[in-house]
PDB file of N, CA and C in Angstrom:
ATOM      1  N   MET A   1    -173.799 179.379-135.555  1.00  0.00           N
ATOM      2  CA  MET A   1    -174.395 179.313-133.634  1.00  0.00           C
ATOM      3  C   MET A   1    -173.431 177.486-134.487  1.00  0.00           C
ATOM      4  N   SER A   2    -174.210 177.250-135.631  1.00  0.00           N
ATOM      5  CA  SER A   2    -174.240 174.900-135.643  1.00  0.00           C
ATOM      6  C   SER A   2    -172.748 175.350-135.442  1.00  0.00           C
ATOM      7  N   PHE A   3    -172.513 175.730-135.848  1.00  0.00           N
ATOM      8  CA  PHE A   3    -170.782 175.900-135.917  1.00  0.00           C
ATOM      9  C   PHE A   3    -169.634 175.579-134.441  1.00  0.00           C
ATOM     10  N   LEU A   4    -170.100 176.775-134.011  1.00  0.00           N
ATOM     11  CA  LEU A   4    -169.884 177.076-131.838  1.00  0.00           C
ATOM     12  C   LEU A   4    -170.546 175.931-131.485  1.00  0.00           C
ATOM     13  N   SER A   5    -171.787 174.740-132.042  1.00  0.00           N
ATOM     14  CA  SER A   5    -172.037 173.989-130.680  1.00  0.00           C
ATOM     15  C   SER A   5    -171.766 172.636-131.315  1.00  0.00           C
ATOM     16  N   ARG A   6    -170.776 172.638-132.663  1.00  0.00           N
ATOM     17  CA  ARG A   6    -170.034 171.537-132.521  1.00  0.00           C
ATOM     18  C   ARG A   6    -169.020 171.376-132.655  1.00  0.00           C
ATOM     19  N   PHE A   7    -168.342 172.265-132.739  1.00  0.00           N
ATOM     20  CA  PHE A   7    -166.984 172.800-132.510  1.00  0.00           C
ATOM     21  C   PHE A   7    -167.647 172.570-130.421  1.00  0.00           C
ATOM     22  N   PHE A   8    -168.071 173.093-129.895  1.00  0.00           N
ATOM     23  CA  PHE A   8    -168.240 173.252-127.708  1.00  0.00           C
ATOM     24  C   PHE A   8    -168.820 171.946-127.297  1.00  0.00           C
ATOM     25  N   ARG A   9    -169.413 170.918-129.061  1.00  0.00           N
ATOM     26  CA  ARG A   9    -169.571 169.408-128.317  1.00  0.00           C
ATOM     27  C   ARG A   9    -169.226 168.926-126.444  1.00  0.00           C
ATOM     28  N   THR A  10    -169.885 168.061-126.262  1.00  0.00           N
ATOM     29  CA  THR A  10    -168.781 167.692-124.659  1.00  0.00           C
ATOM     30  C   THR A  10    -168.620 166.032-124.888  1.00  0.00           C
ATOM     31  N   ASN A  11    -169.552 165.374-126.389  1.00  0.00           N
ATOM     32  CA  ASN A  11    -169.616 164.041-126.615  1.00  0.00           C
ATOM     33  C   ASN A  11    -168.622 163.784-127.173  1.00  0.00           C
ATOM     34  N   ASP A  12    -167.893 164.844-127.906  1.00  0.00           N
ATOM     35  CA  ASP A  12    -165.532 164.581-127.942  1.00  0.00           C
ATOM     36  C   ASP A  12    -165.254 164.709-127.642  1.00  0.00           C
ATOM     37  N   VAL A  13    -165.223 165.361-126.168  1.00  0.00           N
ATOM     38  CA  VAL A  13    -164.124 165.342-125.360  1.00  0.00           C
ATOM     39  C   VAL A  13    -164.040 164.155-124.700  1.00  0.00           C
ATOM     40  N   PRO A  14    -162.596 163.886-124.762  1.00  0.00           N
ATOM     41  CA  PRO A  14    -162.487 163.314-124.654  1.00  0.00           C
ATOM     42  C   PRO A  14    -162.668 162.361-122.963  1.00  0.00           C
ATOM     43  N   LYS A  15    -162.306 161.515-122.557  1.00  0.00           N
ATOM     44  CA  LYS A  15    -162.455 161.738-120.928  1.00  0.00           C
ATOM     45  C   LYS A  15    -160.788 162.023-120.276  1.00  0.00           C
ATOM     46  N   LYS A  16    -160.775 162.552-119.471  1.00  0.00           N
ATOM     47  CA  LYS A  16    -159.314 161.968-118.751  1.00  0.00           C
ATOM     48  C   LYS A  16    -158.562 161.111-118.519  1.00  0.00           C
ATOM     49  N   THR A  17    -157.180 161.050-118.705  1.00  0.00           N
ATOM     50  CA  THR A  17    -157.226 159.678-117.811  1.00  0.00           C
ATOM     51  C   THR A  17    -156.648 159.438-116.697  1.00  0.00           C
ATOM     52  N   GLU A  18    -156.951 159.096-116.444  1.00  0.00           N
ATOM     53  CA  GLU A  18    -155.698 158.562-114.558  1.00  0.00           C
ATOM     54  C   GLU A  18    -154.563 158.748-115.131  1.00  0.00           C
ATOM     55  N   LEU A  19    -153.707 159.873-113.948  1.00  0.00           N
ATOM     56  CA  LEU A  19    -152.654 159.188-114.444  1.00  0.00           C
ATOM     57  C   LEU A  19    -152.022 157.969-113.452  1.00  0.00           C
ATOM     58  N   GLU A  20    -151.058 157.162-114.262  1.00  0.00           N
ATOM     59  CA  GLU A  20    -150.966 156.502-112.478  1.00  0.00           C
ATOM     60  C   GLU A  20    -149.403 156.554-111.683  1.00  0.00           C
ATOM     61  N   THR A  21    -149.929 157.040-110.929  1.00  0.00           N
ATOM     62  CA  THR A  21    -148.462 157.693-109.285  1.00  0.00           C
ATOM     63  C   THR A  21    -147.577 156.244-109.300  1.00  0.00           C
ATOM     64  N   PRO A  22    -146.451 156.061-109.750  1.00  0.00           N
ATOM     65  CA  PRO A  22    -145.312 155.283-109.253  1.00  0.00           C
ATOM     66  C   PRO A  22    -145.519 155.219-107.254  1.00  0.00           C
ATOM     67  N   ASP A  23    -144.814 153.398-107.417  1.00  0.00           N
ATOM     68  CA  ASP A  23    -145.009 153.337-106.661  1.00  0.00           C
ATOM     69  C   ASP A  23    -143.888 153.812-105.421  1.00  0.00           C
ATOM     70  N   ASP A  24    -143.649 154.899-104.584  1.00  0.00           N
ATOM     71  CA  ASP A  24    -142.540 155.514-103.324  1.00  0.00           C
ATOM     72  C   ASP A  24    -142.413 154.910-102.905  1.00  0.00           C
ATOM     73  N   SER A  25    -142.403 153.170-102.387  1.00  0.00           N
ATOM     74  CA  SER A  25    -141.872 153.022-101.188  1.00  0.00           C
ATOM     75  C   SER A  25    -141.106 151.935-101.605  1.00  0.00           C
ATOM     76  N   HIS A  26    -140.381 152.271-102.759  1.00  0.00           N
ATOM     77  CA  HIS A  26    -138.871 151.881-102.506  1.00  0.00           C
ATOM     78  C   HIS A  26    -138.071 153.392-102.773  1.00  0.00           C
ATOM     79  N   LEU A  27    -138.509 154.035-103.129  1.00  0.00           N
ATOM     80  CA  LEU A  27    -137.519 155.309-102.801  1.00  0.00           C
ATOM     81  C   LEU A  27    -137.098 155.605-101.451  1.00  0.00           C
ATOM     82  N   ASN A  28    -138.685 155.655-100.669  1.00  0.00           N
ATOM     83  CA  ASN A  28    -138.744 156.007 -99.490  1.00  0.00           C
ATOM     84  C   ASN A  28    -137.947 155.089 -98.585  1.00  0.00           C
ATOM     85  N   ARG A  29    -138.271 153.705 -99.277  1.00  0.00           N
ATOM     86  CA  ARG A  29    -136.865 153.320 -98.552  1.00  0.00           C
ATOM     87  C   ARG A  29    -135.367 153.126 -98.532  1.00  0.00           C
ATOM     88  N   ARG A  30    -134.898 153.950 -99.622  1.00  0.00           N
ATOM     89  CA  ARG A  30    -133.895 153.865 -99.917  1.00  0.00           C
ATOM     90  C   ARG A  30    -133.403 155.324 -99.287  1.00  0.00           C
ATOM     91  N   VAL A  31    -134.468 156.202 -99.411  1.00  0.00           N
ATOM     92  CA  VAL A  31    -134.163 157.780 -98.159  1.00  0.00           C
ATOM     93  C   VAL A  31    -134.223 157.608 -96.784  1.00  0.00           C
ATOM     94  N   LYS A  32    -134.604 156.688 -96.652  1.00  0.00           N
ATOM     95  CA  LYS A  32    -134.928 156.367 -94.987  1.00  0.00           C
ATOM     96  C   LYS A  32    -133.557 155.453 -94.701  1.00  0.00           C
ATOM     97  N   GLU A  33    -132.899 154.463 -95.227  1.00  0.00           N
ATOM     98  CA  GLU A  33    -131.715 153.835 -95.753  1.00  0.00           C
ATOM     99  C   GLU A  33    -130.585 154.736 -95.628  1.00  0.00           C
ATOM    100  N   ALA A  34    -130.270 155.454 -96.614  1.00  0.00           N
ATOM    101  CA  ALA A  34    -129.549 156.708 -96.686  1.00  0.00           C
ATOM    102  C   ALA A  34    -129.534 158.062 -95.323  1.00  0.00           C
ATOM    103  N   LYS A  35    -130.335 158.140 -93.969  1.00  0.00           N
ATOM    104  CA  LYS A  35    -130.659 158.664 -93.650  1.00  0.00           C
ATOM    105  C   LYS A  35    -130.250 158.332 -92.365  1.00  0.00           C
ATOM    106  N   TRP A  36    -130.166 156.430 -92.738  1.00  0.00           N
ATOM    107  CA  TRP A  36    -129.471 155.980 -91.497  1.00  0.00           C
ATOM    108  C   TRP A  36    -128.513 156.583 -91.316  1.00  0.00           C
ATOM    109  N   ARG A  37    -127.730 155.854 -92.629  1.00  0.00           N
ATOM    110  CA  ARG A  37    -126.167 156.128 -92.947  1.00  0.00           C
ATOM    111  C   ARG A  37    -125.359 157.228 -92.113  1.00  0.00           C
ATOM    112  N   ASN A  38    -126.589 158.691 -93.152  1.00  0.00           N
ATOM    113  CA  ASN A  38    -125.736 159.766 -92.407  1.00  0.00           C
ATOM    114  C   ASN A  38    -126.056 160.219 -90.613  1.00  0.00           C
ATOM    115  N   SER A  39    -126.294 159.082 -90.160  1.00  0.00           N
ATOM    116  CA  SER A  39    -126.651 159.526 -88.502  1.00  0.00           C
ATOM    117  C   SER A  39    -125.879 158.816 -87.871  1.00  0.00           C
ATOM    118  N   GLN A  40    -125.781 157.723 -88.584  1.00  0.00           N
ATOM    119  CA  GLN A  40    -124.526 156.433 -87.928  1.00  0.00           C
ATOM    120  C   GLN A  40    -123.318 157.534 -88.850  1.00  0.00           C
ATOM    121  N   ALA A  41    -122.884 157.917 -89.475  1.00  0.00           N
ATOM    122  CA  ALA A  41    -121.680 158.625 -90.166  1.00  0.00           C
ATOM    123  C   ALA A  41    -121.708 159.512 -88.525  1.00  0.00           C
ATOM    124  N   VAL A  42    -122.186 160.563 -88.482  1.00  0.00           N
ATOM    125  CA  VAL A  42    -122.540 161.487 -88.252  1.00  0.00           C
ATOM    126  C   VAL A  42    -121.721 161.660 -86.080  1.00  0.00           C
ATOM    127  N   HIS A  43    -123.070 160.443 -85.867  1.00  0.00           N
ATOM    128  CA  HIS A  43    -122.476 159.860 -84.918  1.00  0.00           C
ATOM    129  C   HIS A  43    -120.957 159.028 -84.104  1.00  0.00           C
ATOM    130  N   SER A  44    -120.372 158.246 -85.093  1.00  0.00           N
ATOM    131  CA  SER A  44    -119.149 158.061 -85.431  1.00  0.00           C
ATOM    132  C   SER A  44    -117.747 159.052 -85.541  1.00  0.00           C
ATOM    133  N   PHE A  45    -118.859 160.570 -86.046  1.00  0.00           N
ATOM    134  CA  PHE A  45    -117.594 160.759 -85.930  1.00  0.00           C
ATOM    135  C   PHE A  45    -117.762 162.034 -85.030  1.00  0.00           C
ATOM    136  N   ILE A  46    -118.817 162.042 -84.060  1.00  0.00           N
ATOM    137  CA  ILE A  46    -118.557 162.594 -82.526  1.00  0.00           C
ATOM    138  C   ILE A  46    -118.032 162.306 -81.882  1.00  0.00           C
ATOM    139  N   GLU A  47    -117.529 160.868 -81.945  1.00  0.00           N
ATOM    140  CA  GLU A  47    -117.080 160.262 -80.773  1.00  0.00           C
ATOM    141  C   GLU A  47    -116.266 160.063 -81.442  1.00  0.00           C
ATOM    142  N   ALA A  48    -115.013 159.981 -82.466  1.00  0.00           N
ATOM    143  CA  ALA A  48    -113.892 160.621 -82.616  1.00  0.00           C
ATOM    144  C   ALA A  48    -113.483 161.411 -81.989  1.00  0.00           C
ATOM    145  N   ALA A  49    -114.437 162.656 -82.576  1.00  0.00           N
ATOM    146  CA  ALA A  49    -114.332 163.941 -81.884  1.00  0.00           C
ATOM    147  C   ALA A  49    -114.036 164.026 -80.104  1.00  0.00           C
ATOM    148  N   HIS A  50    -114.849 162.867 -79.673  1.00  0.00           N
ATOM    149  CA  HIS A  50    -114.529 163.015 -78.261  1.00  0.00           C
ATOM    150  C   HIS A  50    -112.975 162.212 -77.924  1.00  0.00           C
ATOM    151  N   LYS A  51    -112.911 161.805 -78.915  1.00  0.00           N
ATOM    152  CA  LYS A  51    -112.015 160.506 -78.330  1.00  0.00           C
ATOM    153  C   LYS A  51    -110.903 161.581 -78.563  1.00  0.00           C
ATOM    154  N   GLN A  52    -110.524 161.708 -79.826  1.00  0.00           N
ATOM    155  CA  GLN A  52    -109.287 162.829 -79.983  1.00  0.00           C
ATOM    156  C   GLN A  52    -109.239 164.088 -78.350  1.00  0.00           C
ATOM    157  N   GLU A  53    -110.367 164.843 -78.281  1.00  0.00           N
ATOM    158  CA  GLU A  53    -110.380 165.870 -77.206  1.00  0.00           C
ATOM    159  C   GLU A  53    -109.705 165.176 -75.698  1.00  0.00           C
ATOM    160  N   SER A  54    -110.733 163.739 -75.854  1.00  0.00           N
ATOM    161  CA  SER A  54    -110.100 163.176 -74.648  1.00  0.00           C
ATOM    162  C   SER A  54    -108.219 162.638 -75.105  1.00  0.00           C
ATOM    163  N   ASP A  55    -107.537 161.999 -75.711  1.00  0.00           N
ATOM    164  CA  ASP A  55    -106.010 162.002 -76.339  1.00  0.00           C
ATOM    165  C   ASP A  55    -105.619 163.780 -76.149  1.00  0.00           C
ATOM    166  N   ALA A  56    -106.581 164.204 -76.759  1.00  0.00           N
ATOM    167  CA  ALA A  56    -105.406 166.074 -76.285  1.00  0.00           C
ATOM    168  C   ALA A  56    -104.771 166.398 -74.836  1.00  0.00           C
ATOM    169  N   ASN A  57    -105.602 166.467 -74.486  1.00  0.00           N
ATOM    170  CA  ASN A  57    -106.450 166.370 -72.699  1.00  0.00           C
ATOM    171  C   ASN A  57    -105.233 165.473 -71.710  1.00  0.00           C
ATOM    172  N   MET A  58    -105.163 164.295 -72.513  1.00  0.00           N
ATOM    173  CA  MET A  58    -104.513 163.051 -71.920  1.00  0.00           C
ATOM    174  C   MET A  58    -102.478 162.946 -71.853  1.00  0.00           C
ATOM    175  N   ALA A  59    -102.528 164.377 -73.064  1.00  0.00           N
ATOM    176  CA  ALA A  59    -101.427 165.006 -73.803  1.00  0.00           C
ATOM    177  C   ALA A  59    -100.859 164.978 -72.539  1.00  0.00           C
ATOM    178  N   ARG A  60    -101.628 166.496 -72.497  1.00  0.00           N
ATOM    179  CA  ARG A  60    -101.609 167.745 -72.089  1.00  0.00           C
ATOM    180  C   ARG A  60    -100.797 167.930 -69.741  1.00  0.00           C
ATOM    181  N   GLN A  61    -101.676 166.365 -70.273  1.00  0.00           N
ATOM    182  CA  GLN A  61    -101.597 166.548 -68.236  1.00  0.00           C
ATOM    183  C   GLN A  61    -100.162 165.817 -68.156  1.00  0.00           C
ATOM    184  N   VAL A  62     -99.808 164.365 -69.586  1.00  0.00           N
ATOM    185  CA  VAL A  62     -98.689 163.984 -69.478  1.00  0.00           C
ATOM    186  C   VAL A  62     -97.358 165.494 -68.980  1.00  0.00           C
ATOM    187  N   ILE A  63     -97.475 165.870 -70.121  1.00  0.00           N
ATOM    188  CA  ILE A  63     -96.968 166.639 -70.928  1.00  0.00           C
ATOM    189  C   ILE A  63     -96.556 167.913 -69.143  1.00  0.00           C
ATOM    190  N   SER A  64     -97.746 168.341 -68.827  1.00  0.00           N
ATOM    191  CA  SER A  64     -97.506 169.295 -67.965  1.00  0.00           C
ATOM    192  C   SER A  64     -96.458 168.714 -66.598  1.00  0.00           C
ATOM    193  N   ASP A  65     -97.157 167.087 -65.694  1.00  0.00           N
ATOM    194  CA  ASP A  65     -96.440 165.521 -65.181  1.00  0.00           C
ATOM    195  C   ASP A  65     -94.731 166.538 -65.374  1.00  0.00           C
ATOM    196  N   ILE A  66     -94.699 166.341 -66.860  1.00  0.00           N
ATOM    197  CA  ILE A  66     -93.200 165.449 -66.874  1.00  0.00           C
ATOM    198  C   ILE A  66     -92.164 167.065 -66.509  1.00  0.00           C
ATOM    199  N   LEU A  67     -92.974 168.480 -67.098  1.00  0.00           N
ATOM    200  CA  LEU A  67     -92.425 169.471 -66.835  1.00  0.00           C
ATOM    201  C   LEU A  67     -92.336 170.040 -65.554  1.00  0.00           C
ATOM    202  N   LYS A  68     -93.281 169.094 -65.135  1.00  0.00           N
ATOM    203  CA  LYS A  68     -92.926 169.372 -63.424  1.00  0.00           C
ATOM    204  C   LYS A  68     -91.957 168.932 -62.193  1.00  0.00           C
ATOM    205  N   ARG A  69     -91.993 167.709 -63.029  1.00  0.00           N
ATOM    206  CA  ARG A  69     -90.898 166.496 -62.246  1.00  0.00           C
ATOM    207  C   ARG A  69     -89.870 167.865 -62.801  1.00  0.00           C
ATOM    208  N   ALA A  70     -89.280 167.732 -64.013  1.00  0.00           N
ATOM    209  CA  ALA A  70     -87.857 168.365 -64.780  1.00  0.00           C
ATOM    210  C   ALA A  70     -88.139 169.705 -63.644  1.00  0.00           C
ATOM    211  N   GLU A  71     -88.826 170.294 -63.128  1.00  0.00           N
ATOM    212  CA  GLU A  71     -88.458 171.464 -63.032  1.00  0.00           C
ATOM    213  C   GLU A  71     -88.488 171.451 -61.502  1.00  0.00           C
ATOM    214  N   ASP A  72     -89.027 170.542 -60.458  1.00  0.00           N
ATOM    215  CA  ASP A  72     -88.471 169.924 -59.345  1.00  0.00           C
ATOM    216  C   ASP A  72     -87.403 169.892 -59.264  1.00  0.00           C
ATOM    217  N   GLN A  73     -86.704 168.446 -60.113  1.00  0.00           N
ATOM    218  CA  GLN A  73     -85.364 168.055 -59.959  1.00  0.00           C
ATOM    219  C   GLN A  73     -84.439 169.095 -60.462  1.00  0.00           C
ATOM    220  N   LYS A  74     -84.393 170.196 -61.120  1.00  0.00           N
ATOM    221  CA  LYS A  74     -83.371 170.969 -61.809  1.00  0.00           C
ATOM    222  C   LYS A  74     -83.731 171.716 -60.209  1.00  0.00           C
ATOM    223  N   ALA A  75     -84.400 172.151 -59.099  1.00  0.00           N
ATOM    224  CA  ALA A  75     -84.864 173.075 -58.521  1.00  0.00           C
ATOM    225  C   ALA A  75     -83.953 172.135 -57.042  1.00  0.00           C
ATOM    226  N   VAL A  76     -84.120 170.549 -57.617  1.00  0.00           N
ATOM    227  CA  VAL A  76     -82.917 169.808 -56.867  1.00  0.00           C
ATOM    228  C   VAL A  76     -81.459 169.928 -56.446  1.00  0.00           C
ATOM    229  N   ASN A  77     -80.528 169.868 -57.799  1.00  0.00           N
ATOM    230  CA  ASN A  77     -80.000 169.648 -58.070  1.00  0.00           C
ATOM    231  C   ASN A  77     -79.358 170.927 -58.508  1.00  0.00           C
ATOM    232  N   ASP A  78     -79.849 172.021 -58.130  1.00  0.00           N
ATOM    233  CA  ASP A  78     -79.334 173.945 -58.074  1.00  0.00           C
ATOM    234  C   ASP A  78     -79.405 173.698 -56.683  1.00  0.00           C
ATOM    235  N   GLU A  79     -79.907 173.161 -55.975  1.00  0.00           N
ATOM    236  CA  GLU A  79     -79.943 172.996 -54.162  1.00  0.00           C
ATOM    237  C   GLU A  79     -78.153 172.616 -54.015  1.00  0.00           C
ATOM    238  N   ASN A  80     -78.529 171.193 -54.287  1.00  0.00           N
ATOM    239  CA  ASN A  80     -77.557 169.939 -54.176  1.00  0.00           C
ATOM    240  C   ASN A  80     -75.861 170.663 -54.907  1.00  0.00           C
ATOM    241  N   ASN A  81     -75.410 171.069 -56.291  1.00  0.00           N
ATOM    242  CA  ASN A  81     -74.305 172.333 -56.625  1.00  0.00           C
ATOM    243  C   ASN A  81     -74.519 173.473 -56.064  1.00  0.00           C
ATOM    244  N   SER A  82     -75.515 174.008 -55.245  1.00  0.00           N
ATOM    245  CA  SER A  82     -74.699 175.395 -54.510  1.00  0.00           C
ATOM    246  C   SER A  82     -73.817 175.864 -53.176  1.00  0.00           C
ATOM    247  N   GLY A  83     -74.068 174.675 -52.883  1.00  0.00           N
ATOM    248  CA  GLY A  83     -73.870 174.757 -51.229  1.00  0.00           C
ATOM    249  C   GLY A  83     -72.447 173.483 -51.308  1.00  0.00           C
ATOM    250  N   GLN A  84     -72.339 173.502 -53.046  1.00  0.00           N
ATOM    251  CA  GLN A  84     -70.984 172.407 -53.280  1.00  0.00           C
ATOM    252  C   GLN A  84     -69.558 173.767 -52.728  1.00  0.00           C
ATOM    253  N   LYS A  85     -69.680 175.116 -53.490  1.00  0.00           N
ATOM    254  CA  LYS A  85     -68.744 175.958 -53.985  1.00  0.00           C
ATOM    255  C   LYS A  85     -67.976 176.489 -52.638  1.00  0.00           C
TER     256      LYS A  85
END
């Protein structure tokens, strides 16, 4: 029993050392900056998509106007040419 009492004696057990946690403020700042840059990139991407959509709608409108004018002029020219026969 003395062997066991010597083996399990609490006086010889070293105290737990406190672990020092690293300062995460720098890491947290870098994460916040990365999130901000990501949100800025997403915002500029959305703006570019809206501009592209607007440009595409403008191009469709211009093309449809040109085609309508061409059809109107073709109809006027056909009326003028049919009367000359």
